[in-house]
Amino acid sequence: MTLGMKMATVLLGVVALASPRCSLAGPIADAPPLIVGLTKILNFLLSIVGVVAIIGLVVAGFLYFFAGGDMRQVNLAKKSTLGAIAGIVIALGGYVIIRTITAQF
């Protein structure tokens, strides 16, 4: 790094610190509680599980539709349907549990 680049870096740092729009972090009291961040992460993960379960339900429907009387394919479609429904129930149950727990905080 040349001397000119070092000076430019220092100058940009001084300008950034002197700018009224650039402020240091506020007090820790301004930070959101940890439970808020965890709730957002869990809601995101539960929404992904729900979407995957819905896609699984659609795929199971296609398997059943295109089984053409083949009992092995029909049984596979039924098992896939039960698995997708179980995924939806688990995702909704997790959502209810999270909402119940976070309502107390």
C-alpha atoms as a PDB file:
ATOM      1  CA  MET A   1       0.000   0.000   0.000  1.00  0.00           C
ATOM      2  CA  THR A   2       1.484   3.318  -1.014  1.00  0.00           C
ATOM      3  CA  LEU A   3       1.706   6.398   1.152  1.00  0.00           C
ATOM      4  CA  GLY A   4      -1.019   8.111  -0.890  1.00  0.00           C
ATOM      5  CA  MET A   5      -3.416   5.207  -0.369  1.00  0.00           C
ATOM      6  CA  LYS A   6      -2.748   5.214   3.361  1.00  0.00           C
ATOM      7  CA  MET A   7      -3.421   8.933   3.567  1.00  0.00           C
ATOM      8  CA  ALA A   8      -6.637   8.569   1.581  1.00  0.00           C
ATOM      9  CA  THR A   9      -7.805   5.801   3.907  1.00  0.00           C
ATOM     10  CA  VAL A  10      -7.106   7.895   6.994  1.00  0.00           C
ATOM     11  CA  LEU A  11      -8.816  10.914   5.424  1.00  0.00           C
ATOM     12  CA  LEU A  12     -11.922   8.878   4.607  1.00  0.00           C
ATOM     13  CA  GLY A  13     -12.007   7.566   8.167  1.00  0.00           C
ATOM     14  CA  VAL A  14     -11.761  11.080   9.626  1.00  0.00           C
ATOM     15  CA  VAL A  15     -14.502  12.357   7.295  1.00  0.00           C
ATOM     16  CA  ALA A  16     -16.739   9.416   8.208  1.00  0.00           C
ATOM     17  CA  LEU A  17     -16.295  10.031  11.935  1.00  0.00           C
ATOM     18  CA  ALA A  18     -16.858  13.772  11.558  1.00  0.00           C
ATOM     19  CA  SER A  19     -20.014  13.326   9.520  1.00  0.00           C
ATOM     20  CA  PRO A  20     -23.182  14.108  11.504  1.00  0.00           C
ATOM     21  CA  ARG A  21     -24.974  11.190   9.870  1.00  0.00           C
ATOM     22  CA  CYS A  22     -22.364   8.739  11.124  1.00  0.00           C
ATOM     23  CA  SER A  23     -22.954   7.969  14.757  1.00  0.00           C
ATOM     24  CA  LEU A  24     -21.592   5.468  17.161  1.00  0.00           C
ATOM     25  CA  ALA A  25     -23.744   2.711  18.531  1.00  0.00           C
ATOM     26  CA  GLY A  26     -26.420   3.748  20.970  1.00  0.00           C
ATOM     27  CA  PRO A  27     -26.755   2.421  24.475  1.00  0.00           C
ATOM     28  CA  ILE A  28     -27.397  -1.245  24.995  1.00  0.00           C
ATOM     29  CA  ALA A  29     -30.951  -0.399  26.049  1.00  0.00           C
ATOM     30  CA  ASP A  30     -31.724   0.426  22.411  1.00  0.00           C
ATOM     31  CA  ALA A  31     -30.845  -3.103  21.295  1.00  0.00           C
ATOM     32  CA  PRO A  32     -33.758  -5.448  20.649  1.00  0.00           C
ATOM     33  CA  PRO A  33     -34.145  -8.295  23.138  1.00  0.00           C
ATOM     34  CA  LEU A  34     -32.584 -11.643  22.268  1.00  0.00           C
ATOM     35  CA  ILE A  35     -35.999 -13.292  22.174  1.00  0.00           C
ATOM     36  CA  VAL A  36     -37.000 -11.062  19.235  1.00  0.00           C
ATOM     37  CA  GLY A  37     -34.070 -12.238  17.134  1.00  0.00           C
ATOM     38  CA  LEU A  38     -34.610 -15.869  18.037  1.00  0.00           C
ATOM     39  CA  THR A  39     -38.300 -15.594  17.232  1.00  0.00           C
ATOM     40  CA  LYS A  40     -37.531 -14.197  13.791  1.00  0.00           C
ATOM     41  CA  ILE A  41     -35.070 -16.993  13.072  1.00  0.00           C
ATOM     42  CA  LEU A  42     -37.489 -19.698  14.231  1.00  0.00           C
ATOM     43  CA  ASN A  43     -40.379 -18.195  12.265  1.00  0.00           C
ATOM     44  CA  PHE A  44     -38.193 -18.182   9.161  1.00  0.00           C
ATOM     45  CA  LEU A  45     -37.205 -21.819   9.655  1.00  0.00           C
ATOM     46  CA  LEU A  46     -40.800 -22.854  10.316  1.00  0.00           C
ATOM     47  CA  SER A  47     -41.944 -21.100   7.160  1.00  0.00           C
ATOM     48  CA  ILE A  48     -39.355 -23.049   5.165  1.00  0.00           C
ATOM     49  CA  VAL A  49     -40.567 -26.303   6.730  1.00  0.00           C
ATOM     50  CA  GLY A  50     -44.148 -25.358   5.854  1.00  0.00           C
ATOM     51  CA  VAL A  51     -43.299 -24.589   2.233  1.00  0.00           C
ATOM     52  CA  VAL A  52     -41.386 -27.862   1.865  1.00  0.00           C
ATOM     53  CA  ALA A  53     -44.335 -29.764   3.360  1.00  0.00           C
ATOM     54  CA  ILE A  54     -46.772 -28.122   0.929  1.00  0.00           C
ATOM     55  CA  ILE A  55     -44.488 -28.992  -1.991  1.00  0.00           C
ATOM     56  CA  GLY A  56     -44.349 -32.567  -0.669  1.00  0.00           C
ATOM     57  CA  LEU A  57     -48.137 -32.660  -0.604  1.00  0.00           C
ATOM     58  CA  VAL A  58     -48.312 -31.493  -4.214  1.00  0.00           C
ATOM     59  CA  VAL A  59     -45.728 -34.083  -5.285  1.00  0.00           C
ATOM     60  CA  ALA A  60     -47.691 -36.803  -3.476  1.00  0.00           C
ATOM     61  CA  GLY A  61     -50.804 -35.706  -5.337  1.00  0.00           C
ATOM     62  CA  PHE A  62     -48.991 -36.023  -8.655  1.00  0.00           C
ATOM     63  CA  LEU A  63     -47.718 -39.466  -7.651  1.00  0.00           C
ATOM     64  CA  TYR A  64     -51.255 -40.570  -6.855  1.00  0.00           C
ATOM     65  CA  PHE A  65     -52.658 -39.047 -10.037  1.00  0.00           C
ATOM     66  CA  PHE A  66     -50.083 -40.686 -12.294  1.00  0.00           C
ATOM     67  CA  ALA A  67     -50.030 -44.053 -10.487  1.00  0.00           C
ATOM     68  CA  GLY A  68     -52.254 -45.559 -13.164  1.00  0.00           C
ATOM     69  CA  GLY A  69     -53.565 -48.330 -10.927  1.00  0.00           C
ATOM     70  CA  ASP A  70     -50.100 -49.497  -9.821  1.00  0.00           C
ATOM     71  CA  MET A  71     -50.634 -50.294  -6.135  1.00  0.00           C
ATOM     72  CA  ARG A  72     -46.973 -49.769  -5.299  1.00  0.00           C
ATOM     73  CA  GLN A  73     -47.164 -46.206  -6.640  1.00  0.00           C
ATOM     74  CA  VAL A  74     -50.488 -45.625  -4.866  1.00  0.00           C
ATOM     75  CA  ASN A  75     -49.007 -46.776  -1.546  1.00  0.00           C
ATOM     76  CA  LEU A  76     -45.976 -44.533  -2.089  1.00  0.00           C
ATOM     77  CA  ALA A  77     -48.301 -41.601  -2.769  1.00  0.00           C
ATOM     78  CA  LYS A  78     -50.294 -42.321   0.393  1.00  0.00           C
ATOM     79  CA  LYS A  79     -47.124 -42.502   2.514  1.00  0.00           C
ATOM     80  CA  SER A  80     -45.903 -39.258   0.960  1.00  0.00           C
ATOM     81  CA  THR A  81     -49.228 -37.606   1.694  1.00  0.00           C
ATOM     82  CA  LEU A  82     -49.099 -38.683   5.340  1.00  0.00           C
ATOM     83  CA  GLY A  83     -45.519 -37.444   5.628  1.00  0.00           C
ATOM     84  CA  ALA A  84     -46.415 -34.067   4.135  1.00  0.00           C
ATOM     85  CA  ILE A  85     -49.427 -33.688   6.411  1.00  0.00           C
ATOM     86  CA  ALA A  86     -47.259 -34.606   9.401  1.00  0.00           C
ATOM     87  CA  GLY A  87     -44.782 -31.898   8.327  1.00  0.00           C
ATOM     88  CA  ILE A  88     -47.548 -29.312   8.125  1.00  0.00           C
ATOM     89  CA  VAL A  89     -48.874 -30.306  11.566  1.00  0.00           C
ATOM     90  CA  ILE A  90     -45.373 -30.137  13.072  1.00  0.00           C
ATOM     91  CA  ALA A  91     -44.738 -26.712  11.505  1.00  0.00           C
ATOM     92  CA  LEU A  92     -48.066 -25.339  12.761  1.00  0.00           C
ATOM     93  CA  GLY A  93     -47.500 -26.865  16.197  1.00  0.00           C
ATOM     94  CA  GLY A  94     -44.059 -25.288  16.384  1.00  0.00           C
ATOM     95  CA  TYR A  95     -45.503 -21.934  15.382  1.00  0.00           C
ATOM     96  CA  VAL A  96     -48.147 -22.158  18.104  1.00  0.00           C
ATOM     97  CA  ILE A  97     -45.540 -23.100  20.714  1.00  0.00           C
ATOM     98  CA  ILE A  98     -43.279 -20.209  19.719  1.00  0.00           C
ATOM     99  CA  ARG A  99     -46.164 -17.723  19.791  1.00  0.00           C
ATOM    100  CA  THR A 100     -47.209 -18.987  23.224  1.00  0.00           C
ATOM    101  CA  ILE A 101     -43.709 -18.739  24.663  1.00  0.00           C
ATOM    102  CA  THR A 102     -42.923 -15.304  23.200  1.00  0.00           C
ATOM    103  CA  ALA A 103     -46.246 -13.890  24.408  1.00  0.00           C
ATOM    104  CA  GLN A 104     -44.981 -14.355  27.957  1.00  0.00           C
ATOM    105  CA  PHE A 105     -41.861 -12.233  27.397  1.00  0.00           C
END
